[in-house]
Protein backbone atom coordinates (compact mmCIF):
# COMPACT_ATOMS: atom_id res chain seq x y z
CA MET A 1 -0.23 -0.22 -0.07
CA ASP A 2 1.19 3.44 -1.01
CA VAL A 3 2.20 5.55 2.24
CA PHE A 4 -0.03 8.49 1.08
CA ASP A 5 -3.03 6.00 0.68
CA ALA A 6 -2.58 4.92 4.00
CA ILE A 7 -2.28 8.44 5.47
CA ARG A 8 -5.41 9.34 3.86
CA GLY A 9 -7.31 6.28 4.40
CA ARG A 10 -6.65 5.35 8.01
CA ARG A 11 -9.39 6.08 10.74
CA SER A 12 -9.86 5.89 14.34
CA ILE A 13 -12.13 2.63 14.79
CA ARG A 14 -14.26 2.19 18.06
CA SER A 15 -15.99 -1.12 16.75
CA TYR A 16 -14.22 -4.38 16.00
CA ARG A 17 -14.76 -8.15 14.90
CA SER A 18 -13.52 -10.54 17.43
CA ASP A 19 -10.97 -11.81 14.96
CA PRO A 20 -7.72 -12.71 16.39
CA ILE A 21 -4.50 -11.05 15.39
CA PRO A 22 -1.88 -13.58 14.19
CA ASP A 23 1.60 -13.05 15.68
CA GLU A 24 3.21 -12.36 12.62
CA ASP A 25 0.89 -9.43 11.98
CA LEU A 26 1.40 -8.32 15.42
CA ARG A 27 5.19 -8.63 15.00
CA LYS A 28 4.89 -6.47 11.45
CA ILE A 29 3.23 -3.64 13.51
CA LEU A 30 5.57 -3.34 16.13
CA GLU A 31 8.53 -3.66 13.92
CA ALA A 32 6.97 -0.71 11.94
CA ALA A 33 6.84 1.00 15.53
CA ILE A 34 10.68 0.67 16.27
CA GLU A 35 11.57 2.03 13.04
CA ALA A 36 10.36 5.45 14.21
CA PRO A 37 12.97 8.28 14.74
CA SER A 38 13.87 9.29 18.18
CA ALA A 39 15.83 11.90 19.99
CA GLY A 40 19.46 10.66 20.02
CA ASN A 41 18.26 7.50 18.82
CA LEU A 42 17.38 6.64 22.15
CA GLN A 43 14.24 4.66 21.21
CA PRO A 44 12.76 5.26 24.66
CA TRP A 45 9.44 3.20 23.58
CA VAL A 46 8.24 0.15 25.43
CA PHE A 47 4.95 -1.55 24.29
CA ILE A 48 2.83 -3.74 26.51
CA VAL A 49 0.64 -6.12 24.17
CA VAL A 50 -2.46 -7.03 26.19
CA ARG A 51 -4.85 -9.73 24.84
CA ASP A 52 -6.29 -10.76 28.20
CA HIS A 53 -10.00 -9.82 28.50
CA ALA A 54 -9.76 -8.86 32.03
CA THR A 55 -6.79 -6.74 31.72
CA ARG A 56 -8.58 -4.89 28.22
CA ARG A 57 -11.34 -4.26 30.51
CA ALA A 58 -9.26 -2.94 33.32
CA LEU A 59 -7.73 -0.67 30.68
CA ALA A 60 -11.15 0.53 29.33
CA GLU A 61 -12.29 1.37 32.65
CA ALA A 62 -9.06 3.45 33.38
CA ALA A 63 -9.56 5.00 29.85
CA LEU A 64 -12.75 6.89 31.54
CA GLY A 65 -14.89 3.90 30.99
CA GLN A 66 -14.25 3.67 27.26
CA TYR A 67 -15.93 0.03 27.12
CA TRP A 68 -15.71 -0.12 23.50
CA MET A 69 -12.10 -0.78 23.83
CA VAL A 70 -12.68 -4.07 25.13
CA GLU A 71 -14.02 -5.20 21.65
CA ALA A 72 -10.52 -5.00 20.08
CA PRO A 73 -8.79 -8.41 20.49
CA VAL A 74 -5.48 -6.53 21.57
CA ILE A 75 -4.68 -3.22 23.30
CA ILE A 76 -1.05 -1.97 23.03
CA ALA A 77 0.07 0.35 25.98
CA VAL A 78 2.47 2.57 24.60
CA CYS A 79 4.96 3.88 27.47
CA ALA A 80 7.81 6.21 27.27
CA ASN A 81 11.00 5.35 29.16
CA MET A 82 11.37 8.75 30.68
CA ALA A 83 14.89 7.88 32.48
CA VAL A 84 16.21 6.67 29.05
CA SER A 85 15.64 10.47 27.80
CA SER A 86 16.52 12.00 30.56
CA LYS A 87 19.83 10.36 30.69
CA ILE A 88 21.09 12.74 27.81
CA TYR A 89 18.46 15.43 27.51
CA GLY A 90 17.56 16.31 31.14
CA ALA A 91 13.87 17.78 31.81
CA ARG A 92 13.61 18.30 28.18
CA GLY A 93 14.15 14.55 27.53
CA ARG A 94 11.78 13.50 30.27
CA ASN A 95 9.16 15.87 29.36
CA LEU A 96 9.01 16.36 25.71
CA TYR A 97 11.40 14.21 23.51
CA CYS A 98 10.40 10.65 25.06
CA ILE A 99 6.73 11.96 24.29
CA GLN A 100 7.46 12.89 20.84
CA ASP A 101 9.45 9.80 20.12
CA THR A 102 6.63 7.58 21.46
CA ALA A 103 4.10 9.77 19.15
CA ALA A 104 6.19 8.95 15.85
CA ALA A 105 6.35 5.19 16.94
CA ILE A 106 2.41 5.16 17.34
CA GLU A 107 1.78 6.71 13.99
CA ASN A 108 4.02 4.29 12.28
CA MET A 109 1.96 1.62 14.44
CA LEU A 110 -1.12 2.85 13.23
CA LEU A 111 -0.14 3.29 9.28
CA ALA A 112 1.10 -0.15 9.29
CA ALA A 113 -1.87 -1.84 11.00
CA TYR A 114 -3.96 -0.26 8.35
CA ALA A 115 -2.05 -1.27 5.53
CA LEU A 116 -2.28 -4.90 6.76
CA GLY A 117 -6.25 -4.48 6.93
CA TYR A 118 -6.62 -3.72 10.56
CA GLY A 119 -8.00 -0.91 12.54
CA THR A 120 -6.84 1.16 15.51
CA CYS A 121 -7.79 3.70 17.65
CA TRP A 122 -5.26 6.10 19.63
CA VAL A 123 -6.62 6.42 23.11
CA GLY A 124 -5.19 9.13 25.19
CA ALA A 125 -7.96 9.84 27.48
CA PHE A 126 -7.09 7.72 30.54
CA TYR A 127 -6.00 7.90 34.27
CA GLU A 128 -2.20 7.39 34.12
CA GLU A 129 -1.90 6.17 37.54
CA GLU A 130 -4.74 3.65 36.97
CA VAL A 131 -3.10 2.18 33.97
CA ARG A 132 0.39 2.33 35.61
CA GLU A 133 -1.40 0.01 38.28
CA VAL A 134 -3.20 -2.31 35.90
CA LEU A 135 0.22 -2.74 33.71
CA ARG A 136 2.37 -2.63 37.09
CA LEU A 137 4.58 -0.13 35.36
CA PRO A 138 7.61 1.19 37.06
CA GLU A 139 8.03 4.76 37.75
CA SER A 140 10.32 5.20 35.01
CA LEU A 141 7.73 4.24 32.37
CA ARG A 142 4.90 6.64 31.36
CA PRO A 143 1.71 5.46 29.64
CA VAL A 144 1.27 7.75 26.74
CA ALA A 145 -1.43 5.67 24.76
CA LEU A 146 -3.54 2.95 24.44
CA ILE A 147 -3.89 1.57 21.06
CA THR A 148 -6.67 -0.77 20.05
CA LEU A 149 -5.97 -3.10 17.28
CA GLY A 150 -8.43 -5.39 15.33
CA LYS A 151 -10.40 -6.21 12.41
CA PRO A 152 -12.65 -3.18 11.94
CA ALA A 153 -16.44 -3.70 12.18
CA GLU A 154 -17.35 -0.20 11.15
CA HIS A 155 -15.97 2.16 7.97
CA PRO A 156 -16.18 5.80 9.54
CA VAL A 157 -16.60 8.55 7.04
CA LYS A 158 -13.37 10.85 6.45
CA PRO A 159 -13.35 13.43 9.04
CA GLU A 160 -13.32 17.12 7.68
CA ARG A 161 -9.54 18.83 7.95
CA LYS A 162 -8.53 22.39 8.25
CA PRO A 163 -7.62 23.95 4.99
CA LEU A 164 -3.78 23.84 4.64
CA GLU A 165 -3.61 27.56 4.10
CA SER A 166 -4.75 28.20 7.49
CA VAL A 167 -2.29 25.96 9.41
CA VAL A 168 0.83 27.04 7.27
CA HIS A 169 3.02 29.98 7.73
CA PHE A 170 6.17 30.80 5.87
CA GLU A 171 9.47 32.15 7.68
CA ILE A 172 7.58 33.68 10.63
CA TYR A 173 4.03 33.27 12.25
CA GLY A 174 1.55 35.25 10.38
CA SER A 175 3.28 35.21 7.00
CA ARG A 176 1.24 33.45 4.40
């Protein structure tokens, strides 16, 4: 699949079929994630693959009761290892770079999943401490996103986008 087709075609999916995800496909999606760029090539990401129904339900509860998430046969918790990024970059690495790095890995994951025929949703609305508790995360790991993954049971329409001219400036802000 052409990367531009994947970018234009991918949608946030909130309804899934129960089909299991073969390990080889899951591996391809995770391998795409680790190909993302990262500050200093530190690769501060950690991925926790959750297939267990009870754990998926606990994550959905931690995600402000978004129980539709449980329909997805897999939830991937994407965490940033703040200790790795802060070693070289201090507070900026801890508070920004590790978040940017995991966001880049997430986007690769979403596009790879779409190219393989899967649906995903990037869930960022959750109580961090509850997710930390469910997944038994150490203090050095910050949960950044919960990615639902499975065969889509819906085909959402493309959401409207702002015109390019309304968000692009040249040289300095305000210069169109």
